[in-house]
Amino acid sequence: AGGHHKERRMTRKYEACFLLRPELSPEDLEKEAGVIQERITANGGEMAHREFWGKRTLTYPIAKKKEANFYVFYFTAATSAAPEIEKSVRGRENVMRHLMIVRKAFPAPKPQEAADGGPVAQ
């Protein structure tokens, strides 16, 4: 299938932070993270790693909630795939907010004991 005529796709590293509903059980959190990861890879993203940062108090309430579970996904994707990935996760009922940014490099994976709900380093 010689279908690649000068298709030098730009790929970038992305960090996507998801604020998931605070009342989700650990099982439901993992299930939601799995769905998000599946949406990333289904739209051409290649996962580096994901981190659960725990339940954190929000600076201001979102949808009348004062806390959220923070989940961060690091992945590589074509620039053309990024809007598709965003569209595929927007409007999920367990996702209160999400933010996707371009990174120059991925941070090293954190040891999981950091997920104790302590303050996020700024």
C-alpha atoms as a PDB file:
ATOM      1  CA  ALA A   1       0.000   0.000   0.000  1.00  0.00           C
ATOM      2  CA  GLY A   2       2.073   2.926  -1.297  1.00  0.00           C
ATOM      3  CA  GLY A   3      -0.179   5.557   0.270  1.00  0.00           C
ATOM      4  CA  HIS A   4       2.479   7.716   1.903  1.00  0.00           C
ATOM      5  CA  HIS A   5       3.192  10.548  -0.508  1.00  0.00           C
ATOM      6  CA  LYS A   6       5.371  13.025   1.419  1.00  0.00           C
ATOM      7  CA  GLU A   7       3.309  12.521   4.556  1.00  0.00           C
ATOM      8  CA  ARG A   8       5.937  13.689   7.067  1.00  0.00           C
ATOM      9  CA  ARG A   9       3.590  14.072   9.986  1.00  0.00           C
ATOM     10  CA  MET A  10       4.692  16.377  12.785  1.00  0.00           C
ATOM     11  CA  THR A  11       4.619  14.533  16.082  1.00  0.00           C
ATOM     12  CA  ARG A  12       4.795  16.212  19.439  1.00  0.00           C
ATOM     13  CA  LYS A  13       4.948  15.188  23.077  1.00  0.00           C
ATOM     14  CA  TYR A  14       1.786  15.957  25.027  1.00  0.00           C
ATOM     15  CA  GLU A  15       0.804  16.107  28.662  1.00  0.00           C
ATOM     16  CA  ALA A  16      -2.918  15.783  29.319  1.00  0.00           C
ATOM     17  CA  CYS A  17      -4.188  16.455  32.835  1.00  0.00           C
ATOM     18  CA  PHE A  18      -7.665  15.197  33.719  1.00  0.00           C
ATOM     19  CA  LEU A  19      -9.683  16.213  36.761  1.00  0.00           C
ATOM     20  CA  LEU A  20     -11.967  13.282  37.489  1.00  0.00           C
ATOM     21  CA  ARG A  21     -14.983  13.339  39.802  1.00  0.00           C
ATOM     22  CA  PRO A  22     -13.965  13.090  43.478  1.00  0.00           C
ATOM     23  CA  GLU A  23     -16.542  10.445  44.406  1.00  0.00           C
ATOM     24  CA  LEU A  24     -15.202   7.818  41.988  1.00  0.00           C
ATOM     25  CA  SER A  25     -14.032   4.577  43.609  1.00  0.00           C
ATOM     26  CA  PRO A  26     -10.434   3.420  42.931  1.00  0.00           C
ATOM     27  CA  GLU A  27     -11.868   0.806  40.518  1.00  0.00           C
ATOM     28  CA  ASP A  28     -13.908   3.417  38.626  1.00  0.00           C
ATOM     29  CA  LEU A  29     -10.902   5.760  38.513  1.00  0.00           C
ATOM     30  CA  GLU A  30      -8.784   3.024  36.940  1.00  0.00           C
ATOM     31  CA  LYS A  31     -11.608   2.189  34.526  1.00  0.00           C
ATOM     32  CA  GLU A  32     -11.925   5.852  33.477  1.00  0.00           C
ATOM     33  CA  ALA A  33      -8.132   6.163  33.089  1.00  0.00           C
ATOM     34  CA  GLY A  34      -8.226   3.050  30.905  1.00  0.00           C
ATOM     35  CA  VAL A  35     -10.941   4.558  28.704  1.00  0.00           C
ATOM     36  CA  ILE A  36      -8.996   7.818  28.355  1.00  0.00           C
ATOM     37  CA  GLN A  37      -5.808   5.921  27.486  1.00  0.00           C
ATOM     38  CA  GLU A  38      -7.745   3.837  24.942  1.00  0.00           C
ATOM     39  CA  ARG A  39      -9.115   7.036  23.335  1.00  0.00           C
ATOM     40  CA  ILE A  40      -5.573   8.446  23.125  1.00  0.00           C
ATOM     41  CA  THR A  41      -4.176   5.340  21.401  1.00  0.00           C
ATOM     42  CA  ALA A  42      -7.276   4.836  19.195  1.00  0.00           C
ATOM     43  CA  ASN A  43      -6.674   8.313  17.789  1.00  0.00           C
ATOM     44  CA  GLY A  44      -3.020   7.643  16.996  1.00  0.00           C
ATOM     45  CA  GLY A  45      -1.365   8.622  20.276  1.00  0.00           C
ATOM     46  CA  GLU A  46       1.490   6.568  21.669  1.00  0.00           C
ATOM     47  CA  MET A  47       1.507   6.384  25.461  1.00  0.00           C
ATOM     48  CA  ALA A  48       4.690   7.140  27.409  1.00  0.00           C
ATOM     49  CA  HIS A  49       3.161   6.751  30.878  1.00  0.00           C
ATOM     50  CA  ARG A  50       0.341   7.929  33.109  1.00  0.00           C
ATOM     51  CA  GLU A  51       0.333   9.079  36.718  1.00  0.00           C
ATOM     52  CA  PHE A  52      -2.366   9.283  39.347  1.00  0.00           C
ATOM     53  CA  TRP A  53      -1.684  12.334  41.497  1.00  0.00           C
ATOM     54  CA  GLY A  54      -4.428  11.584  43.984  1.00  0.00           C
ATOM     55  CA  LYS A  55      -7.420  13.537  45.200  1.00  0.00           C
ATOM     56  CA  ARG A  56      -6.642  17.245  45.552  1.00  0.00           C
ATOM     57  CA  THR A  57      -8.510  20.247  46.876  1.00  0.00           C
ATOM     58  CA  LEU A  58      -9.368  22.657  44.076  1.00  0.00           C
ATOM     59  CA  THR A  59      -8.557  26.370  44.205  1.00  0.00           C
ATOM     60  CA  TYR A  60     -12.182  27.064  43.288  1.00  0.00           C
ATOM     61  CA  PRO A  61     -15.174  24.728  42.957  1.00  0.00           C
ATOM     62  CA  ILE A  62     -15.848  23.092  39.592  1.00  0.00           C
ATOM     63  CA  ALA A  63     -19.422  21.883  39.088  1.00  0.00           C
ATOM     64  CA  LYS A  64     -20.029  22.553  42.819  1.00  0.00           C
ATOM     65  CA  LYS A  65     -17.228  20.158  43.772  1.00  0.00           C
ATOM     66  CA  LYS A  66     -14.310  21.263  45.946  1.00  0.00           C
ATOM     67  CA  GLU A  67     -12.025  18.305  45.122  1.00  0.00           C
ATOM     68  CA  ALA A  68     -11.028  16.253  42.109  1.00  0.00           C
ATOM     69  CA  ASN A  69      -8.887  13.228  41.301  1.00  0.00           C
ATOM     70  CA  PHE A  70      -5.898  14.290  39.197  1.00  0.00           C
ATOM     71  CA  TYR A  71      -4.718  11.930  36.449  1.00  0.00           C
ATOM     72  CA  VAL A  72      -1.914  12.901  34.066  1.00  0.00           C
ATOM     73  CA  PHE A  73      -1.174  11.184  30.746  1.00  0.00           C
ATOM     74  CA  TYR A  74       2.062  11.620  28.793  1.00  0.00           C
ATOM     75  CA  PHE A  75       1.961  10.609  25.135  1.00  0.00           C
ATOM     76  CA  THR A  76       3.293  11.326  21.673  1.00  0.00           C
ATOM     77  CA  ALA A  77       0.892  12.077  18.814  1.00  0.00           C
ATOM     78  CA  ALA A  78       0.752  13.687  15.405  1.00  0.00           C
ATOM     79  CA  THR A  79      -0.308  17.334  15.638  1.00  0.00           C
ATOM     80  CA  SER A  80      -3.302  16.417  13.457  1.00  0.00           C
ATOM     81  CA  ALA A  81      -4.372  13.767  16.014  1.00  0.00           C
ATOM     82  CA  ALA A  82      -4.384  16.123  19.017  1.00  0.00           C
ATOM     83  CA  PRO A  83      -7.788  17.740  18.272  1.00  0.00           C
ATOM     84  CA  GLU A  84      -9.298  14.286  17.640  1.00  0.00           C
ATOM     85  CA  ILE A  85      -7.980  13.028  20.979  1.00  0.00           C
ATOM     86  CA  GLU A  86      -9.444  16.073  22.749  1.00  0.00           C
ATOM     87  CA  LYS A  87     -12.792  15.657  21.019  1.00  0.00           C
ATOM     88  CA  SER A  88     -12.937  11.965  21.980  1.00  0.00           C
ATOM     89  CA  VAL A  89     -12.600  12.682  25.731  1.00  0.00           C
ATOM     90  CA  ARG A  90     -14.610  15.910  25.930  1.00  0.00           C
ATOM     91  CA  GLY A  91     -17.996  15.559  27.587  1.00  0.00           C
ATOM     92  CA  ARG A  92     -17.301  12.335  29.490  1.00  0.00           C
ATOM     93  CA  GLU A  93     -19.398  12.497  32.650  1.00  0.00           C
ATOM     94  CA  ASN A  94     -16.505  11.551  34.962  1.00  0.00           C
ATOM     95  CA  VAL A  95     -14.213  14.245  33.504  1.00  0.00           C
ATOM     96  CA  MET A  96     -14.722  17.581  35.247  1.00  0.00           C
ATOM     97  CA  ARG A  97     -11.929  19.371  33.359  1.00  0.00           C
ATOM     98  CA  HIS A  98      -9.000  18.513  31.150  1.00  0.00           C
ATOM     99  CA  LEU A  99      -6.015  20.358  29.785  1.00  0.00           C
ATOM    100  CA  MET A 100      -3.679  19.194  27.051  1.00  0.00           C
ATOM    101  CA  ILE A 101      -0.330  20.914  26.546  1.00  0.00           C
ATOM    102  CA  VAL A 102       2.741  20.329  24.372  1.00  0.00           C
ATOM    103  CA  ARG A 103       5.902  19.311  26.255  1.00  0.00           C
ATOM    104  CA  LYS A 104       9.502  19.550  25.121  1.00  0.00           C
ATOM    105  CA  ALA A 105      10.305  16.389  27.080  1.00  0.00           C
ATOM    106  CA  PHE A 106       8.515  13.993  29.390  1.00  0.00           C
ATOM    107  CA  PRO A 107       9.333  14.056  33.106  1.00  0.00           C
ATOM    108  CA  ALA A 108      10.573  10.827  34.634  1.00  0.00           C
ATOM    109  CA  PRO A 109       7.687   8.745  36.009  1.00  0.00           C
ATOM    110  CA  LYS A 110       7.013   9.576  39.655  1.00  0.00           C
ATOM    111  CA  PRO A 111       7.094   6.837  42.286  1.00  0.00           C
ATOM    112  CA  GLN A 112       3.457   6.134  43.135  1.00  0.00           C
ATOM    113  CA  GLU A 113       3.717   7.079  46.805  1.00  0.00           C
ATOM    114  CA  ALA A 114       3.375  10.697  45.617  1.00  0.00           C
ATOM    115  CA  ALA A 115      -0.355  10.017  45.127  1.00  0.00           C
ATOM    116  CA  ASP A 116      -1.191  10.737  48.773  1.00  0.00           C
ATOM    117  CA  GLY A 117      -3.198  13.894  48.127  1.00  0.00           C
ATOM    118  CA  GLY A 118      -0.404  16.256  49.206  1.00  0.00           C
ATOM    119  CA  PRO A 119      -0.077  19.613  47.480  1.00  0.00           C
ATOM    120  CA  VAL A 120       0.914  19.672  43.809  1.00  0.00           C
ATOM    121  CA  ALA A 121       4.360  21.219  43.406  1.00  0.00           C
ATOM    122  CA  GLN A 122       4.009  24.371  41.315  1.00  0.00           C
END
